[in-house]
Amino acid sequence: MSNMSNKSVTSKKNHSLSKEALYDIIRNPVTTEKSTILSEKNQLVFRVAFGSNKSEIKEAIEMLFGVKVLRVNTLIQKGKLKRFRGRVGQRSDVKKAFVHLAEGHSVDLTAKLV
């Protein structure tokens, strides 16, 4: 038998990130037709840093906008291969975060953040 019962379970870190670090995690909101339809269902879409994880994204959204986040789903959208005047190019990969807000919370993305 192992001594798993003697080990204490570490709780989540409750550290605060600086405002600059929050803006490094959350790059910009995605404003497409699809993301606008999702906003009617209390969901937001953001482009985020590749190195960020779901808990960092959740903390950044809650601190920047003052809302309660239920869950965060992320995806990495691979860049398309494009051609321009016969030359081949590659678009950059993008990491997106789909943020589900609690009922009664909303964010106006057109307002200026201070």
C-alpha atoms as a PDB file:
ATOM      1  CA  MET A   1       0.000   0.000   0.000  1.00  0.00           C
ATOM      2  CA  SER A   2       1.162   3.471  -0.722  1.00  0.00           C
ATOM      3  CA  ASN A   3       1.018   6.436   1.580  1.00  0.00           C
ATOM      4  CA  MET A   4      -1.500   8.318  -0.552  1.00  0.00           C
ATOM      5  CA  SER A   5      -3.733   8.998   2.454  1.00  0.00           C
ATOM      6  CA  ASN A   6      -0.913  10.836   4.238  1.00  0.00           C
ATOM      7  CA  LYS A   7      -0.318  13.251   1.377  1.00  0.00           C
ATOM      8  CA  SER A   8      -2.308  16.432   1.466  1.00  0.00           C
ATOM      9  CA  VAL A   9      -4.132  17.502  -1.617  1.00  0.00           C
ATOM     10  CA  THR A  10      -2.916  20.852  -2.862  1.00  0.00           C
ATOM     11  CA  SER A  11      -5.638  23.371  -3.497  1.00  0.00           C
ATOM     12  CA  LYS A  12      -5.824  25.749  -6.418  1.00  0.00           C
ATOM     13  CA  LYS A  13      -3.486  28.679  -6.302  1.00  0.00           C
ATOM     14  CA  ASN A  14      -5.281  31.925  -5.561  1.00  0.00           C
ATOM     15  CA  HIS A  15      -2.696  34.256  -7.001  1.00  0.00           C
ATOM     16  CA  SER A  16      -3.587  37.455  -8.779  1.00  0.00           C
ATOM     17  CA  LEU A  17      -2.081  38.302 -12.107  1.00  0.00           C
ATOM     18  CA  SER A  18      -1.049  41.822 -13.011  1.00  0.00           C
ATOM     19  CA  LYS A  19      -3.179  43.751 -15.486  1.00  0.00           C
ATOM     20  CA  GLU A  20      -0.431  43.439 -18.114  1.00  0.00           C
ATOM     21  CA  ALA A  21      -0.369  39.664 -17.660  1.00  0.00           C
ATOM     22  CA  LEU A  22      -4.149  39.538 -18.089  1.00  0.00           C
ATOM     23  CA  TYR A  23      -3.900  41.353 -21.407  1.00  0.00           C
ATOM     24  CA  ASP A  24      -1.078  39.013 -22.455  1.00  0.00           C
ATOM     25  CA  ILE A  25      -3.403  36.043 -21.918  1.00  0.00           C
ATOM     26  CA  ILE A  26      -6.502  37.577 -23.543  1.00  0.00           C
ATOM     27  CA  ARG A  27      -5.394  38.955 -26.909  1.00  0.00           C
ATOM     28  CA  ASN A  28      -8.661  40.174 -28.453  1.00  0.00           C
ATOM     29  CA  PRO A  29     -12.325  39.215 -28.819  1.00  0.00           C
ATOM     30  CA  VAL A  30     -13.501  37.400 -31.917  1.00  0.00           C
ATOM     31  CA  THR A  31     -16.312  39.357 -33.563  1.00  0.00           C
ATOM     32  CA  THR A  32     -17.758  37.155 -36.269  1.00  0.00           C
ATOM     33  CA  GLU A  33     -21.317  36.241 -37.116  1.00  0.00           C
ATOM     34  CA  LYS A  34     -20.939  32.921 -35.328  1.00  0.00           C
ATOM     35  CA  SER A  35     -19.529  34.501 -32.157  1.00  0.00           C
ATOM     36  CA  THR A  36     -22.343  37.064 -32.144  1.00  0.00           C
ATOM     37  CA  ILE A  37     -24.904  34.254 -32.190  1.00  0.00           C
ATOM     38  CA  LEU A  38     -23.044  32.589 -29.295  1.00  0.00           C
ATOM     39  CA  SER A  39     -23.159  35.832 -27.281  1.00  0.00           C
ATOM     40  CA  GLU A  40     -26.959  35.485 -27.163  1.00  0.00           C
ATOM     41  CA  LYS A  41     -26.373  32.219 -25.237  1.00  0.00           C
ATOM     42  CA  ASN A  42     -23.992  33.835 -22.660  1.00  0.00           C
ATOM     43  CA  GLN A  43     -20.881  32.659 -24.491  1.00  0.00           C
ATOM     44  CA  LEU A  44     -17.920  34.748 -25.612  1.00  0.00           C
ATOM     45  CA  VAL A  45     -15.057  33.934 -27.958  1.00  0.00           C
ATOM     46  CA  PHE A  46     -11.519  35.312 -27.478  1.00  0.00           C
ATOM     47  CA  ARG A  47      -8.150  34.832 -29.131  1.00  0.00           C
ATOM     48  CA  VAL A  48      -5.725  33.861 -26.376  1.00  0.00           C
ATOM     49  CA  ALA A  49      -2.012  33.208 -25.927  1.00  0.00           C
ATOM     50  CA  PHE A  50      -0.762  29.741 -26.884  1.00  0.00           C
ATOM     51  CA  GLY A  51       0.841  29.158 -23.491  1.00  0.00           C
ATOM     52  CA  SER A  52      -2.292  29.932 -21.480  1.00  0.00           C
ATOM     53  CA  ASN A  53      -4.435  27.235 -19.907  1.00  0.00           C
ATOM     54  CA  LYS A  54      -8.139  27.160 -19.077  1.00  0.00           C
ATOM     55  CA  SER A  55      -7.765  28.244 -15.448  1.00  0.00           C
ATOM     56  CA  GLU A  56      -5.613  31.259 -16.426  1.00  0.00           C
ATOM     57  CA  ILE A  57      -8.143  32.249 -19.092  1.00  0.00           C
ATOM     58  CA  LYS A  58     -11.007  31.931 -16.603  1.00  0.00           C
ATOM     59  CA  GLU A  59      -9.195  34.075 -14.033  1.00  0.00           C
ATOM     60  CA  ALA A  60      -8.309  36.714 -16.641  1.00  0.00           C
ATOM     61  CA  ILE A  61     -11.906  37.025 -17.907  1.00  0.00           C
ATOM     62  CA  GLU A  62     -13.303  37.227 -14.380  1.00  0.00           C
ATOM     63  CA  MET A  63     -10.807  39.929 -13.362  1.00  0.00           C
ATOM     64  CA  LEU A  64     -11.021  42.006 -16.551  1.00  0.00           C
ATOM     65  CA  PHE A  65     -14.803  42.021 -16.978  1.00  0.00           C
ATOM     66  CA  GLY A  66     -16.046  41.311 -13.433  1.00  0.00           C
ATOM     67  CA  VAL A  67     -18.246  38.358 -14.449  1.00  0.00           C
ATOM     68  CA  LYS A  68     -18.663  34.769 -13.248  1.00  0.00           C
ATOM     69  CA  VAL A  69     -17.282  32.172 -15.686  1.00  0.00           C
ATOM     70  CA  LEU A  70     -18.793  28.686 -15.631  1.00  0.00           C
ATOM     71  CA  ARG A  71     -16.377  26.947 -17.981  1.00  0.00           C
ATOM     72  CA  VAL A  72     -13.832  27.532 -20.721  1.00  0.00           C
ATOM     73  CA  ASN A  73     -13.304  25.455 -23.860  1.00  0.00           C
ATOM     74  CA  THR A  74     -10.209  26.005 -25.990  1.00  0.00           C
ATOM     75  CA  LEU A  75      -9.156  25.035 -29.483  1.00  0.00           C
ATOM     76  CA  ILE A  76      -6.180  25.620 -31.739  1.00  0.00           C
ATOM     77  CA  GLN A  77      -7.144  26.681 -35.237  1.00  0.00           C
ATOM     78  CA  LYS A  78      -4.422  25.724 -37.683  1.00  0.00           C
ATOM     79  CA  GLY A  79      -3.421  28.384 -40.218  1.00  0.00           C
ATOM     80  CA  LYS A  80      -4.564  27.926 -43.780  1.00  0.00           C
ATOM     81  CA  LEU A  81      -2.245  27.503 -46.717  1.00  0.00           C
ATOM     82  CA  LYS A  82      -2.938  30.489 -48.989  1.00  0.00           C
ATOM     83  CA  ARG A  83      -1.646  31.666 -52.341  1.00  0.00           C
ATOM     84  CA  PHE A  84      -1.120  35.242 -53.445  1.00  0.00           C
ATOM     85  CA  ARG A  85       0.146  36.027 -56.956  1.00  0.00           C
ATOM     86  CA  GLY A  86       1.536  32.531 -57.318  1.00  0.00           C
ATOM     87  CA  ARG A  87       3.412  32.580 -54.011  1.00  0.00           C
ATOM     88  CA  VAL A  88       2.494  30.167 -51.260  1.00  0.00           C
ATOM     89  CA  GLY A  89       2.023  31.481 -47.755  1.00  0.00           C
ATOM     90  CA  GLN A  90       0.837  30.150 -44.407  1.00  0.00           C
ATOM     91  CA  ARG A  91      -1.506  31.956 -42.021  1.00  0.00           C
ATOM     92  CA  SER A  92      -0.604  31.886 -38.348  1.00  0.00           C
ATOM     93  CA  ASP A  93      -2.111  29.333 -35.981  1.00  0.00           C
ATOM     94  CA  VAL A  94      -4.603  30.820 -33.497  1.00  0.00           C
ATOM     95  CA  LYS A  95      -5.721  29.587 -30.079  1.00  0.00           C
ATOM     96  CA  LYS A  96      -9.349  30.438 -29.288  1.00  0.00           C
ATOM     97  CA  ALA A  97     -11.215  30.269 -25.997  1.00  0.00           C
ATOM     98  CA  PHE A  98     -14.984  29.798 -25.789  1.00  0.00           C
ATOM     99  CA  VAL A  99     -16.048  31.251 -22.431  1.00  0.00           C
ATOM    100  CA  HIS A 100     -19.414  30.255 -20.914  1.00  0.00           C
ATOM    101  CA  LEU A 101     -20.764  32.897 -18.531  1.00  0.00           C
ATOM    102  CA  ALA A 102     -23.091  32.305 -15.593  1.00  0.00           C
ATOM    103  CA  GLU A 103     -26.770  33.168 -15.972  1.00  0.00           C
ATOM    104  CA  GLY A 104     -27.401  36.894 -15.529  1.00  0.00           C
ATOM    105  CA  HIS A 105     -23.827  37.918 -16.422  1.00  0.00           C
ATOM    106  CA  SER A 106     -22.967  39.627 -19.689  1.00  0.00           C
ATOM    107  CA  VAL A 107     -20.109  41.559 -21.229  1.00  0.00           C
ATOM    108  CA  ASP A 108     -20.319  44.522 -23.584  1.00  0.00           C
ATOM    109  CA  LEU A 109     -17.276  44.081 -25.823  1.00  0.00           C
ATOM    110  CA  THR A 110     -17.802  47.481 -27.440  1.00  0.00           C
ATOM    111  CA  ALA A 111     -17.111  49.270 -24.151  1.00  0.00           C
ATOM    112  CA  LYS A 112     -13.594  50.469 -23.478  1.00  0.00           C
ATOM    113  CA  LEU A 113     -11.602  48.560 -20.854  1.00  0.00           C
ATOM    114  CA  VAL A 114      -9.624  50.626 -18.392  1.00  0.00           C
END
